[in-house]
Amino acid sequence: KPFFGELVEFITSGPTLALVLEGEG
């Protein structure tokens, strides 16, 4: 997709907090 590069640049532009959440639904 044409916006792939923009996604990659954005997510690499600073820290990201990755979480795993759990629960019903």
PDBML (XML) file of the C-alpha atoms, coordinates in Angstrom:
<?xml version="1.0" encoding="UTF-8" ?>
<PDBx:datablock datablockName="MODEL"
   xmlns:PDBx="http://pdbml.pdb.org/schema/pdbx-v50.xsd"
   xmlns:xsi="http://www.w3.org/2001/XMLSchema-instance"
   xsi:schemaLocation="http://pdbml.pdb.org/schema/pdbx-v50.xsd pdbx-v50.xsd">
   <PDBx:atom_siteCategory>
      <PDBx:atom_site id="1">
         <PDBx:B_iso_or_equiv>0.00</PDBx:B_iso_or_equiv>
         <PDBx:Cartn_x>0.000</PDBx:Cartn_x>
         <PDBx:Cartn_y>0.000</PDBx:Cartn_y>
         <PDBx:Cartn_z>0.000</PDBx:Cartn_z>
         <PDBx:auth_asym_id>A</PDBx:auth_asym_id>
         <PDBx:auth_atom_id>CA</PDBx:auth_atom_id>
         <PDBx:auth_comp_id>LYS</PDBx:auth_comp_id>
         <PDBx:auth_seq_id>1</PDBx:auth_seq_id>
         <PDBx:group_PDB>ATOM</PDBx:group_PDB>
         <PDBx:label_alt_id xsi:nil="true" />
         <PDBx:label_asym_id>A</PDBx:label_asym_id>
         <PDBx:label_atom_id>CA</PDBx:label_atom_id>
         <PDBx:label_comp_id>LYS</PDBx:label_comp_id>
         <PDBx:label_entity_id>1</PDBx:label_entity_id>
         <PDBx:label_seq_id>1</PDBx:label_seq_id>
         <PDBx:occupancy>1.00</PDBx:occupancy>
         <PDBx:pdbx_PDB_model_num>1</PDBx:pdbx_PDB_model_num>
         <PDBx:type_symbol>C</PDBx:type_symbol>
      </PDBx:atom_site>
      <PDBx:atom_site id="2">
         <PDBx:B_iso_or_equiv>0.00</PDBx:B_iso_or_equiv>
         <PDBx:Cartn_x>1.206</PDBx:Cartn_x>
         <PDBx:Cartn_y>3.551</PDBx:Cartn_y>
         <PDBx:Cartn_z>-0.678</PDBx:Cartn_z>
         <PDBx:auth_asym_id>A</PDBx:auth_asym_id>
         <PDBx:auth_atom_id>CA</PDBx:auth_atom_id>
         <PDBx:auth_comp_id>PRO</PDBx:auth_comp_id>
         <PDBx:auth_seq_id>2</PDBx:auth_seq_id>
         <PDBx:group_PDB>ATOM</PDBx:group_PDB>
         <PDBx:label_alt_id xsi:nil="true" />
         <PDBx:label_asym_id>A</PDBx:label_asym_id>
         <PDBx:label_atom_id>CA</PDBx:label_atom_id>
         <PDBx:label_comp_id>PRO</PDBx:label_comp_id>
         <PDBx:label_entity_id>1</PDBx:label_entity_id>
         <PDBx:label_seq_id>2</PDBx:label_seq_id>
         <PDBx:occupancy>1.00</PDBx:occupancy>
         <PDBx:pdbx_PDB_model_num>1</PDBx:pdbx_PDB_model_num>
         <PDBx:type_symbol>C</PDBx:type_symbol>
      </PDBx:atom_site>
      <PDBx:atom_site id="3">
         <PDBx:B_iso_or_equiv>0.00</PDBx:B_iso_or_equiv>
         <PDBx:Cartn_x>1.174</PDBx:Cartn_x>
         <PDBx:Cartn_y>4.481</PDBx:Cartn_y>
         <PDBx:Cartn_z>3.026</PDBx:Cartn_z>
         <PDBx:auth_asym_id>A</PDBx:auth_asym_id>
         <PDBx:auth_atom_id>CA</PDBx:auth_atom_id>
         <PDBx:auth_comp_id>PHE</PDBx:auth_comp_id>
         <PDBx:auth_seq_id>3</PDBx:auth_seq_id>
         <PDBx:group_PDB>ATOM</PDBx:group_PDB>
         <PDBx:label_alt_id xsi:nil="true" />
         <PDBx:label_asym_id>A</PDBx:label_asym_id>
         <PDBx:label_atom_id>CA</PDBx:label_atom_id>
         <PDBx:label_comp_id>PHE</PDBx:label_comp_id>
         <PDBx:label_entity_id>1</PDBx:label_entity_id>
         <PDBx:label_seq_id>3</PDBx:label_seq_id>
         <PDBx:occupancy>1.00</PDBx:occupancy>
         <PDBx:pdbx_PDB_model_num>1</PDBx:pdbx_PDB_model_num>
         <PDBx:type_symbol>C</PDBx:type_symbol>
      </PDBx:atom_site>
      <PDBx:atom_site id="4">
         <PDBx:B_iso_or_equiv>0.00</PDBx:B_iso_or_equiv>
         <PDBx:Cartn_x>3.432</PDBx:Cartn_x>
         <PDBx:Cartn_y>1.575</PDBx:Cartn_y>
         <PDBx:Cartn_z>4.167</PDBx:Cartn_z>
         <PDBx:auth_asym_id>A</PDBx:auth_asym_id>
         <PDBx:auth_atom_id>CA</PDBx:auth_atom_id>
         <PDBx:auth_comp_id>PHE</PDBx:auth_comp_id>
         <PDBx:auth_seq_id>4</PDBx:auth_seq_id>
         <PDBx:group_PDB>ATOM</PDBx:group_PDB>
         <PDBx:label_alt_id xsi:nil="true" />
         <PDBx:label_asym_id>A</PDBx:label_asym_id>
         <PDBx:label_atom_id>CA</PDBx:label_atom_id>
         <PDBx:label_comp_id>PHE</PDBx:label_comp_id>
         <PDBx:label_entity_id>1</PDBx:label_entity_id>
         <PDBx:label_seq_id>4</PDBx:label_seq_id>
         <PDBx:occupancy>1.00</PDBx:occupancy>
         <PDBx:pdbx_PDB_model_num>1</PDBx:pdbx_PDB_model_num>
         <PDBx:type_symbol>C</PDBx:type_symbol>
      </PDBx:atom_site>
      <PDBx:atom_site id="5">
         <PDBx:B_iso_or_equiv>0.00</PDBx:B_iso_or_equiv>
         <PDBx:Cartn_x>6.527</PDBx:Cartn_x>
         <PDBx:Cartn_y>3.786</PDBx:Cartn_y>
         <PDBx:Cartn_z>4.398</PDBx:Cartn_z>
         <PDBx:auth_asym_id>A</PDBx:auth_asym_id>
         <PDBx:auth_atom_id>CA</PDBx:auth_atom_id>
         <PDBx:auth_comp_id>GLY</PDBx:auth_comp_id>
         <PDBx:auth_seq_id>5</PDBx:auth_seq_id>
         <PDBx:group_PDB>ATOM</PDBx:group_PDB>
         <PDBx:label_alt_id xsi:nil="true" />
         <PDBx:label_asym_id>A</PDBx:label_asym_id>
         <PDBx:label_atom_id>CA</PDBx:label_atom_id>
         <PDBx:label_comp_id>GLY</PDBx:label_comp_id>
         <PDBx:label_entity_id>1</PDBx:label_entity_id>
         <PDBx:label_seq_id>5</PDBx:label_seq_id>
         <PDBx:occupancy>1.00</PDBx:occupancy>
         <PDBx:pdbx_PDB_model_num>1</PDBx:pdbx_PDB_model_num>
         <PDBx:type_symbol>C</PDBx:type_symbol>
      </PDBx:atom_site>
      <PDBx:atom_site id="6">
         <PDBx:B_iso_or_equiv>0.00</PDBx:B_iso_or_equiv>
         <PDBx:Cartn_x>4.648</PDBx:Cartn_x>
         <PDBx:Cartn_y>6.388</PDBx:Cartn_y>
         <PDBx:Cartn_z>6.418</PDBx:Cartn_z>
         <PDBx:auth_asym_id>A</PDBx:auth_asym_id>
         <PDBx:auth_atom_id>CA</PDBx:auth_atom_id>
         <PDBx:auth_comp_id>GLU</PDBx:auth_comp_id>
         <PDBx:auth_seq_id>6</PDBx:auth_seq_id>
         <PDBx:group_PDB>ATOM</PDBx:group_PDB>
         <PDBx:label_alt_id xsi:nil="true" />
         <PDBx:label_asym_id>A</PDBx:label_asym_id>
         <PDBx:label_atom_id>CA</PDBx:label_atom_id>
         <PDBx:label_comp_id>GLU</PDBx:label_comp_id>
         <PDBx:label_entity_id>1</PDBx:label_entity_id>
         <PDBx:label_seq_id>6</PDBx:label_seq_id>
         <PDBx:occupancy>1.00</PDBx:occupancy>
         <PDBx:pdbx_PDB_model_num>1</PDBx:pdbx_PDB_model_num>
         <PDBx:type_symbol>C</PDBx:type_symbol>
      </PDBx:atom_site>
      <PDBx:atom_site id="7">
         <PDBx:B_iso_or_equiv>0.00</PDBx:B_iso_or_equiv>
         <PDBx:Cartn_x>3.513</PDBx:Cartn_x>
         <PDBx:Cartn_y>3.721</PDBx:Cartn_y>
         <PDBx:Cartn_z>8.917</PDBx:Cartn_z>
         <PDBx:auth_asym_id>A</PDBx:auth_asym_id>
         <PDBx:auth_atom_id>CA</PDBx:auth_atom_id>
         <PDBx:auth_comp_id>LEU</PDBx:auth_comp_id>
         <PDBx:auth_seq_id>7</PDBx:auth_seq_id>
         <PDBx:group_PDB>ATOM</PDBx:group_PDB>
         <PDBx:label_alt_id xsi:nil="true" />
         <PDBx:label_asym_id>A</PDBx:label_asym_id>
         <PDBx:label_atom_id>CA</PDBx:label_atom_id>
         <PDBx:label_comp_id>LEU</PDBx:label_comp_id>
         <PDBx:label_entity_id>1</PDBx:label_entity_id>
         <PDBx:label_seq_id>7</PDBx:label_seq_id>
         <PDBx:occupancy>1.00</PDBx:occupancy>
         <PDBx:pdbx_PDB_model_num>1</PDBx:pdbx_PDB_model_num>
         <PDBx:type_symbol>C</PDBx:type_symbol>
      </PDBx:atom_site>
      <PDBx:atom_site id="8">
         <PDBx:B_iso_or_equiv>0.00</PDBx:B_iso_or_equiv>
         <PDBx:Cartn_x>7.071</PDBx:Cartn_x>
         <PDBx:Cartn_y>2.459</PDBx:Cartn_y>
         <PDBx:Cartn_z>9.346</PDBx:Cartn_z>
         <PDBx:auth_asym_id>A</PDBx:auth_asym_id>
         <PDBx:auth_atom_id>CA</PDBx:auth_atom_id>
         <PDBx:auth_comp_id>VAL</PDBx:auth_comp_id>
         <PDBx:auth_seq_id>8</PDBx:auth_seq_id>
         <PDBx:group_PDB>ATOM</PDBx:group_PDB>
         <PDBx:label_alt_id xsi:nil="true" />
         <PDBx:label_asym_id>A</PDBx:label_asym_id>
         <PDBx:label_atom_id>CA</PDBx:label_atom_id>
         <PDBx:label_comp_id>VAL</PDBx:label_comp_id>
         <PDBx:label_entity_id>1</PDBx:label_entity_id>
         <PDBx:label_seq_id>8</PDBx:label_seq_id>
         <PDBx:occupancy>1.00</PDBx:occupancy>
         <PDBx:pdbx_PDB_model_num>1</PDBx:pdbx_PDB_model_num>
         <PDBx:type_symbol>C</PDBx:type_symbol>
      </PDBx:atom_site>
      <PDBx:atom_site id="9">
         <PDBx:B_iso_or_equiv>0.00</PDBx:B_iso_or_equiv>
         <PDBx:Cartn_x>8.502</PDBx:Cartn_x>
         <PDBx:Cartn_y>5.961</PDBx:Cartn_y>
         <PDBx:Cartn_z>9.752</PDBx:Cartn_z>
         <PDBx:auth_asym_id>A</PDBx:auth_asym_id>
         <PDBx:auth_atom_id>CA</PDBx:auth_atom_id>
         <PDBx:auth_comp_id>GLU</PDBx:auth_comp_id>
         <PDBx:auth_seq_id>9</PDBx:auth_seq_id>
         <PDBx:group_PDB>ATOM</PDBx:group_PDB>
         <PDBx:label_alt_id xsi:nil="true" />
         <PDBx:label_asym_id>A</PDBx:label_asym_id>
         <PDBx:label_atom_id>CA</PDBx:label_atom_id>
         <PDBx:label_comp_id>GLU</PDBx:label_comp_id>
         <PDBx:label_entity_id>1</PDBx:label_entity_id>
         <PDBx:label_seq_id>9</PDBx:label_seq_id>
         <PDBx:occupancy>1.00</PDBx:occupancy>
         <PDBx:pdbx_PDB_model_num>1</PDBx:pdbx_PDB_model_num>
         <PDBx:type_symbol>C</PDBx:type_symbol>
      </PDBx:atom_site>
      <PDBx:atom_site id="10">
         <PDBx:B_iso_or_equiv>0.00</PDBx:B_iso_or_equiv>
         <PDBx:Cartn_x>5.845</PDBx:Cartn_x>
         <PDBx:Cartn_y>6.903</PDBx:Cartn_y>
         <PDBx:Cartn_z>12.297</PDBx:Cartn_z>
         <PDBx:auth_asym_id>A</PDBx:auth_asym_id>
         <PDBx:auth_atom_id>CA</PDBx:auth_atom_id>
         <PDBx:auth_comp_id>PHE</PDBx:auth_comp_id>
         <PDBx:auth_seq_id>10</PDBx:auth_seq_id>
         <PDBx:group_PDB>ATOM</PDBx:group_PDB>
         <PDBx:label_alt_id xsi:nil="true" />
         <PDBx:label_asym_id>A</PDBx:label_asym_id>
         <PDBx:label_atom_id>CA</PDBx:label_atom_id>
         <PDBx:label_comp_id>PHE</PDBx:label_comp_id>
         <PDBx:label_entity_id>1</PDBx:label_entity_id>
         <PDBx:label_seq_id>10</PDBx:label_seq_id>
         <PDBx:occupancy>1.00</PDBx:occupancy>
         <PDBx:pdbx_PDB_model_num>1</PDBx:pdbx_PDB_model_num>
         <PDBx:type_symbol>C</PDBx:type_symbol>
      </PDBx:atom_site>
      <PDBx:atom_site id="11">
         <PDBx:B_iso_or_equiv>0.00</PDBx:B_iso_or_equiv>
         <PDBx:Cartn_x>6.179</PDBx:Cartn_x>
         <PDBx:Cartn_y>3.840</PDBx:Cartn_y>
         <PDBx:Cartn_z>14.563</PDBx:Cartn_z>
         <PDBx:auth_asym_id>A</PDBx:auth_asym_id>
         <PDBx:auth_atom_id>CA</PDBx:auth_atom_id>
         <PDBx:auth_comp_id>ILE</PDBx:auth_comp_id>
         <PDBx:auth_seq_id>11</PDBx:auth_seq_id>
         <PDBx:group_PDB>ATOM</PDBx:group_PDB>
         <PDBx:label_alt_id xsi:nil="true" />
         <PDBx:label_asym_id>A</PDBx:label_asym_id>
         <PDBx:label_atom_id>CA</PDBx:label_atom_id>
         <PDBx:label_comp_id>ILE</PDBx:label_comp_id>
         <PDBx:label_entity_id>1</PDBx:label_entity_id>
         <PDBx:label_seq_id>11</PDBx:label_seq_id>
         <PDBx:occupancy>1.00</PDBx:occupancy>
         <PDBx:pdbx_PDB_model_num>1</PDBx:pdbx_PDB_model_num>
         <PDBx:type_symbol>C</PDBx:type_symbol>
      </PDBx:atom_site>
      <PDBx:atom_site id="12">
         <PDBx:B_iso_or_equiv>0.00</PDBx:B_iso_or_equiv>
         <PDBx:Cartn_x>9.981</PDBx:Cartn_x>
         <PDBx:Cartn_y>4.219</PDBx:Cartn_y>
         <PDBx:Cartn_z>14.549</PDBx:Cartn_z>
         <PDBx:auth_asym_id>A</PDBx:auth_asym_id>
         <PDBx:auth_atom_id>CA</PDBx:auth_atom_id>
         <PDBx:auth_comp_id>THR</PDBx:auth_comp_id>
         <PDBx:auth_seq_id>12</PDBx:auth_seq_id>
         <PDBx:group_PDB>ATOM</PDBx:group_PDB>
         <PDBx:label_alt_id xsi:nil="true" />
         <PDBx:label_asym_id>A</PDBx:label_asym_id>
         <PDBx:label_atom_id>CA</PDBx:label_atom_id>
         <PDBx:label_comp_id>THR</PDBx:label_comp_id>
         <PDBx:label_entity_id>1</PDBx:label_entity_id>
         <PDBx:label_seq_id>12</PDBx:label_seq_id>
         <PDBx:occupancy>1.00</PDBx:occupancy>
         <PDBx:pdbx_PDB_model_num>1</PDBx:pdbx_PDB_model_num>
         <PDBx:type_symbol>C</PDBx:type_symbol>
      </PDBx:atom_site>
      <PDBx:atom_site id="13">
         <PDBx:B_iso_or_equiv>0.00</PDBx:B_iso_or_equiv>
         <PDBx:Cartn_x>9.852</PDBx:Cartn_x>
         <PDBx:Cartn_y>7.957</PDBx:Cartn_y>
         <PDBx:Cartn_z>15.357</PDBx:Cartn_z>
         <PDBx:auth_asym_id>A</PDBx:auth_asym_id>
         <PDBx:auth_atom_id>CA</PDBx:auth_atom_id>
         <PDBx:auth_comp_id>SER</PDBx:auth_comp_id>
         <PDBx:auth_seq_id>13</PDBx:auth_seq_id>
         <PDBx:group_PDB>ATOM</PDBx:group_PDB>
         <PDBx:label_alt_id xsi:nil="true" />
         <PDBx:label_asym_id>A</PDBx:label_asym_id>
         <PDBx:label_atom_id>CA</PDBx:label_atom_id>
         <PDBx:label_comp_id>SER</PDBx:label_comp_id>
         <PDBx:label_entity_id>1</PDBx:label_entity_id>
         <PDBx:label_seq_id>13</PDBx:label_seq_id>
         <PDBx:occupancy>1.00</PDBx:occupancy>
         <PDBx:pdbx_PDB_model_num>1</PDBx:pdbx_PDB_model_num>
         <PDBx:type_symbol>C</PDBx:type_symbol>
      </PDBx:atom_site>
      <PDBx:atom_site id="14">
         <PDBx:B_iso_or_equiv>0.00</PDBx:B_iso_or_equiv>
         <PDBx:Cartn_x>9.865</PDBx:Cartn_x>
         <PDBx:Cartn_y>7.530</PDBx:Cartn_y>
         <PDBx:Cartn_z>19.139</PDBx:Cartn_z>
         <PDBx:auth_asym_id>A</PDBx:auth_asym_id>
         <PDBx:auth_atom_id>CA</PDBx:auth_atom_id>
         <PDBx:auth_comp_id>GLY</PDBx:auth_comp_id>
         <PDBx:auth_seq_id>14</PDBx:auth_seq_id>
         <PDBx:group_PDB>ATOM</PDBx:group_PDB>
         <PDBx:label_alt_id xsi:nil="true" />
         <PDBx:label_asym_id>A</PDBx:label_asym_id>
         <PDBx:label_atom_id>CA</PDBx:label_atom_id>
         <PDBx:label_comp_id>GLY</PDBx:label_comp_id>
         <PDBx:label_entity_id>1</PDBx:label_entity_id>
         <PDBx:label_seq_id>14</PDBx:label_seq_id>
         <PDBx:occupancy>1.00</PDBx:occupancy>
         <PDBx:pdbx_PDB_model_num>1</PDBx:pdbx_PDB_model_num>
         <PDBx:type_symbol>C</PDBx:type_symbol>
      </PDBx:atom_site>
      <PDBx:atom_site id="15">
         <PDBx:B_iso_or_equiv>0.00</PDBx:B_iso_or_equiv>
         <PDBx:Cartn_x>9.152</PDBx:Cartn_x>
         <PDBx:Cartn_y>5.115</PDBx:Cartn_y>
         <PDBx:Cartn_z>21.985</PDBx:Cartn_z>
         <PDBx:auth_asym_id>A</PDBx:auth_asym_id>
         <PDBx:auth_atom_id>CA</PDBx:auth_atom_id>
         <PDBx:auth_comp_id>PRO</PDBx:auth_comp_id>
         <PDBx:auth_seq_id>15</PDBx:auth_seq_id>
         <PDBx:group_PDB>ATOM</PDBx:group_PDB>
         <PDBx:label_alt_id xsi:nil="true" />
         <PDBx:label_asym_id>A</PDBx:label_asym_id>
         <PDBx:label_atom_id>CA</PDBx:label_atom_id>
         <PDBx:label_comp_id>PRO</PDBx:label_comp_id>
         <PDBx:label_entity_id>1</PDBx:label_entity_id>
         <PDBx:label_seq_id>15</PDBx:label_seq_id>
         <PDBx:occupancy>1.00</PDBx:occupancy>
         <PDBx:pdbx_PDB_model_num>1</PDBx:pdbx_PDB_model_num>
         <PDBx:type_symbol>C</PDBx:type_symbol>
      </PDBx:atom_site>
      <PDBx:atom_site id="16">
         <PDBx:B_iso_or_equiv>0.00</PDBx:B_iso_or_equiv>
         <PDBx:Cartn_x>6.135</PDBx:Cartn_x>
         <PDBx:Cartn_y>2.809</PDBx:Cartn_y>
         <PDBx:Cartn_z>21.820</PDBx:Cartn_z>
         <PDBx:auth_asym_id>A</PDBx:auth_asym_id>
         <PDBx:auth_atom_id>CA</PDBx:auth_atom_id>
         <PDBx:auth_comp_id>THR</PDBx:auth_comp_id>
         <PDBx:auth_seq_id>16</PDBx:auth_seq_id>
         <PDBx:group_PDB>ATOM</PDBx:group_PDB>
         <PDBx:label_alt_id xsi:nil="true" />
         <PDBx:label_asym_id>A</PDBx:label_asym_id>
         <PDBx:label_atom_id>CA</PDBx:label_atom_id>
         <PDBx:label_comp_id>THR</PDBx:label_comp_id>
         <PDBx:label_entity_id>1</PDBx:label_entity_id>
         <PDBx:label_seq_id>16</PDBx:label_seq_id>
         <PDBx:occupancy>1.00</PDBx:occupancy>
         <PDBx:pdbx_PDB_model_num>1</PDBx:pdbx_PDB_model_num>
         <PDBx:type_symbol>C</PDBx:type_symbol>
      </PDBx:atom_site>
      <PDBx:atom_site id="17">
         <PDBx:B_iso_or_equiv>0.00</PDBx:B_iso_or_equiv>
         <PDBx:Cartn_x>4.548</PDBx:Cartn_x>
         <PDBx:Cartn_y>1.131</PDBx:Cartn_y>
         <PDBx:Cartn_z>24.836</PDBx:Cartn_z>
         <PDBx:auth_asym_id>A</PDBx:auth_asym_id>
         <PDBx:auth_atom_id>CA</PDBx:auth_atom_id>
         <PDBx:auth_comp_id>LEU</PDBx:auth_comp_id>
         <PDBx:auth_seq_id>17</PDBx:auth_seq_id>
         <PDBx:group_PDB>ATOM</PDBx:group_PDB>
         <PDBx:label_alt_id xsi:nil="true" />
         <PDBx:label_asym_id>A</PDBx:label_asym_id>
         <PDBx:label_atom_id>CA</PDBx:label_atom_id>
         <PDBx:label_comp_id>LEU</PDBx:label_comp_id>
         <PDBx:label_entity_id>1</PDBx:label_entity_id>
         <PDBx:label_seq_id>17</PDBx:label_seq_id>
         <PDBx:occupancy>1.00</PDBx:occupancy>
         <PDBx:pdbx_PDB_model_num>1</PDBx:pdbx_PDB_model_num>
         <PDBx:type_symbol>C</PDBx:type_symbol>
      </PDBx:atom_site>
      <PDBx:atom_site id="18">
         <PDBx:B_iso_or_equiv>0.00</PDBx:B_iso_or_equiv>
         <PDBx:Cartn_x>3.550</PDBx:Cartn_x>
         <PDBx:Cartn_y>-2.419</PDBx:Cartn_y>
         <PDBx:Cartn_z>23.842</PDBx:Cartn_z>
         <PDBx:auth_asym_id>A</PDBx:auth_asym_id>
         <PDBx:auth_atom_id>CA</PDBx:auth_atom_id>
         <PDBx:auth_comp_id>ALA</PDBx:auth_comp_id>
         <PDBx:auth_seq_id>18</PDBx:auth_seq_id>
         <PDBx:group_PDB>ATOM</PDBx:group_PDB>
         <PDBx:label_alt_id xsi:nil="true" />
         <PDBx:label_asym_id>A</PDBx:label_asym_id>
         <PDBx:label_atom_id>CA</PDBx:label_atom_id>
         <PDBx:label_comp_id>ALA</PDBx:label_comp_id>
         <PDBx:label_entity_id>1</PDBx:label_entity_id>
         <PDBx:label_seq_id>18</PDBx:label_seq_id>
         <PDBx:occupancy>1.00</PDBx:occupancy>
         <PDBx:pdbx_PDB_model_num>1</PDBx:pdbx_PDB_model_num>
         <PDBx:type_symbol>C</PDBx:type_symbol>
      </PDBx:atom_site>
      <PDBx:atom_site id="19">
         <PDBx:B_iso_or_equiv>0.00</PDBx:B_iso_or_equiv>
         <PDBx:Cartn_x>0.927</PDBx:Cartn_x>
         <PDBx:Cartn_y>-4.084</PDBx:Cartn_y>
         <PDBx:Cartn_z>26.037</PDBx:Cartn_z>
         <PDBx:auth_asym_id>A</PDBx:auth_asym_id>
         <PDBx:auth_atom_id>CA</PDBx:auth_atom_id>
         <PDBx:auth_comp_id>LEU</PDBx:auth_comp_id>
         <PDBx:auth_seq_id>19</PDBx:auth_seq_id>
         <PDBx:group_PDB>ATOM</PDBx:group_PDB>
         <PDBx:label_alt_id xsi:nil="true" />
         <PDBx:label_asym_id>A</PDBx:label_asym_id>
         <PDBx:label_atom_id>CA</PDBx:label_atom_id>
         <PDBx:label_comp_id>LEU</PDBx:label_comp_id>
         <PDBx:label_entity_id>1</PDBx:label_entity_id>
         <PDBx:label_seq_id>19</PDBx:label_seq_id>
         <PDBx:occupancy>1.00</PDBx:occupancy>
         <PDBx:pdbx_PDB_model_num>1</PDBx:pdbx_PDB_model_num>
         <PDBx:type_symbol>C</PDBx:type_symbol>
      </PDBx:atom_site>
      <PDBx:atom_site id="20">
         <PDBx:B_iso_or_equiv>0.00</PDBx:B_iso_or_equiv>
         <PDBx:Cartn_x>-0.784</PDBx:Cartn_x>
         <PDBx:Cartn_y>-7.440</PDBx:Cartn_y>
         <PDBx:Cartn_z>26.191</PDBx:Cartn_z>
         <PDBx:auth_asym_id>A</PDBx:auth_asym_id>
         <PDBx:auth_atom_id>CA</PDBx:auth_atom_id>
         <PDBx:auth_comp_id>VAL</PDBx:auth_comp_id>
         <PDBx:auth_seq_id>20</PDBx:auth_seq_id>
         <PDBx:group_PDB>ATOM</PDBx:group_PDB>
         <PDBx:label_alt_id xsi:nil="true" />
         <PDBx:label_asym_id>A</PDBx:label_asym_id>
         <PDBx:label_atom_id>CA</PDBx:label_atom_id>
         <PDBx:label_comp_id>VAL</PDBx:label_comp_id>
         <PDBx:label_entity_id>1</PDBx:label_entity_id>
         <PDBx:label_seq_id>20</PDBx:label_seq_id>
         <PDBx:occupancy>1.00</PDBx:occupancy>
         <PDBx:pdbx_PDB_model_num>1</PDBx:pdbx_PDB_model_num>
         <PDBx:type_symbol>C</PDBx:type_symbol>
      </PDBx:atom_site>
      <PDBx:atom_site id="21">
         <PDBx:B_iso_or_equiv>0.00</PDBx:B_iso_or_equiv>
         <PDBx:Cartn_x>-4.260</PDBx:Cartn_x>
         <PDBx:Cartn_y>-7.153</PDBx:Cartn_y>
         <PDBx:Cartn_z>27.659</PDBx:Cartn_z>
         <PDBx:auth_asym_id>A</PDBx:auth_asym_id>
         <PDBx:auth_atom_id>CA</PDBx:auth_atom_id>
         <PDBx:auth_comp_id>LEU</PDBx:auth_comp_id>
         <PDBx:auth_seq_id>21</PDBx:auth_seq_id>
         <PDBx:group_PDB>ATOM</PDBx:group_PDB>
         <PDBx:label_alt_id xsi:nil="true" />
         <PDBx:label_asym_id>A</PDBx:label_asym_id>
         <PDBx:label_atom_id>CA</PDBx:label_atom_id>
         <PDBx:label_comp_id>LEU</PDBx:label_comp_id>
         <PDBx:label_entity_id>1</PDBx:label_entity_id>
         <PDBx:label_seq_id>21</PDBx:label_seq_id>
         <PDBx:occupancy>1.00</PDBx:occupancy>
         <PDBx:pdbx_PDB_model_num>1</PDBx:pdbx_PDB_model_num>
         <PDBx:type_symbol>C</PDBx:type_symbol>
      </PDBx:atom_site>
      <PDBx:atom_site id="22">
         <PDBx:B_iso_or_equiv>0.00</PDBx:B_iso_or_equiv>
         <PDBx:Cartn_x>-6.480</PDBx:Cartn_x>
         <PDBx:Cartn_y>-10.072</PDBx:Cartn_y>
         <PDBx:Cartn_z>28.619</PDBx:Cartn_z>
         <PDBx:auth_asym_id>A</PDBx:auth_asym_id>
         <PDBx:auth_atom_id>CA</PDBx:auth_atom_id>
         <PDBx:auth_comp_id>GLU</PDBx:auth_comp_id>
         <PDBx:auth_seq_id>22</PDBx:auth_seq_id>
         <PDBx:group_PDB>ATOM</PDBx:group_PDB>
         <PDBx:label_alt_id xsi:nil="true" />
         <PDBx:label_asym_id>A</PDBx:label_asym_id>
         <PDBx:label_atom_id>CA</PDBx:label_atom_id>
         <PDBx:label_comp_id>GLU</PDBx:label_comp_id>
         <PDBx:label_entity_id>1</PDBx:label_entity_id>
         <PDBx:label_seq_id>22</PDBx:label_seq_id>
         <PDBx:occupancy>1.00</PDBx:occupancy>
         <PDBx:pdbx_PDB_model_num>1</PDBx:pdbx_PDB_model_num>
         <PDBx:type_symbol>C</PDBx:type_symbol>
      </PDBx:atom_site>
      <PDBx:atom_site id="23">
         <PDBx:B_iso_or_equiv>0.00</PDBx:B_iso_or_equiv>
         <PDBx:Cartn_x>-10.148</PDBx:Cartn_x>
         <PDBx:Cartn_y>-10.490</PDBx:Cartn_y>
         <PDBx:Cartn_z>29.377</PDBx:Cartn_z>
         <PDBx:auth_asym_id>A</PDBx:auth_asym_id>
         <PDBx:auth_atom_id>CA</PDBx:auth_atom_id>
         <PDBx:auth_comp_id>GLY</PDBx:auth_comp_id>
         <PDBx:auth_seq_id>23</PDBx:auth_seq_id>
         <PDBx:group_PDB>ATOM</PDBx:group_PDB>
         <PDBx:label_alt_id xsi:nil="true" />
         <PDBx:label_asym_id>A</PDBx:label_asym_id>
         <PDBx:label_atom_id>CA</PDBx:label_atom_id>
         <PDBx:label_comp_id>GLY</PDBx:label_comp_id>
         <PDBx:label_entity_id>1</PDBx:label_entity_id>
         <PDBx:label_seq_id>23</PDBx:label_seq_id>
         <PDBx:occupancy>1.00</PDBx:occupancy>
         <PDBx:pdbx_PDB_model_num>1</PDBx:pdbx_PDB_model_num>
         <PDBx:type_symbol>C</PDBx:type_symbol>
      </PDBx:atom_site>
      <PDBx:atom_site id="24">
         <PDBx:B_iso_or_equiv>0.00</PDBx:B_iso_or_equiv>
         <PDBx:Cartn_x>-13.448</PDBx:Cartn_x>
         <PDBx:Cartn_y>-11.776</PDBx:Cartn_y>
         <PDBx:Cartn_z>28.118</PDBx:Cartn_z>
         <PDBx:auth_asym_id>A</PDBx:auth_asym_id>
         <PDBx:auth_atom_id>CA</PDBx:auth_atom_id>
         <PDBx:auth_comp_id>GLU</PDBx:auth_comp_id>
         <PDBx:auth_seq_id>24</PDBx:auth_seq_id>
         <PDBx:group_PDB>ATOM</PDBx:group_PDB>
         <PDBx:label_alt_id xsi:nil="true" />
         <PDBx:label_asym_id>A</PDBx:label_asym_id>
         <PDBx:label_atom_id>CA</PDBx:label_atom_id>
         <PDBx:label_comp_id>GLU</PDBx:label_comp_id>
         <PDBx:label_entity_id>1</PDBx:label_entity_id>
         <PDBx:label_seq_id>24</PDBx:label_seq_id>
         <PDBx:occupancy>1.00</PDBx:occupancy>
         <PDBx:pdbx_PDB_model_num>1</PDBx:pdbx_PDB_model_num>
         <PDBx:type_symbol>C</PDBx:type_symbol>
      </PDBx:atom_site>
      <PDBx:atom_site id="25">
         <PDBx:B_iso_or_equiv>0.00</PDBx:B_iso_or_equiv>
         <PDBx:Cartn_x>-13.944</PDBx:Cartn_x>
         <PDBx:Cartn_y>-10.534</PDBx:Cartn_y>
         <PDBx:Cartn_z>24.580</PDBx:Cartn_z>
         <PDBx:auth_asym_id>A</PDBx:auth_asym_id>
         <PDBx:auth_atom_id>CA</PDBx:auth_atom_id>
         <PDBx:auth_comp_id>GLY</PDBx:auth_comp_id>
         <PDBx:auth_seq_id>25</PDBx:auth_seq_id>
         <PDBx:group_PDB>ATOM</PDBx:group_PDB>
         <PDBx:label_alt_id xsi:nil="true" />
         <PDBx:label_asym_id>A</PDBx:label_asym_id>
         <PDBx:label_atom_id>CA</PDBx:label_atom_id>
         <PDBx:label_comp_id>GLY</PDBx:label_comp_id>
         <PDBx:label_entity_id>1</PDBx:label_entity_id>
         <PDBx:label_seq_id>25</PDBx:label_seq_id>
         <PDBx:occupancy>1.00</PDBx:occupancy>
         <PDBx:pdbx_PDB_model_num>1</PDBx:pdbx_PDB_model_num>
         <PDBx:type_symbol>C</PDBx:type_symbol>
      </PDBx:atom_site>
   </PDBx:atom_siteCategory>
</PDBx:datablock>
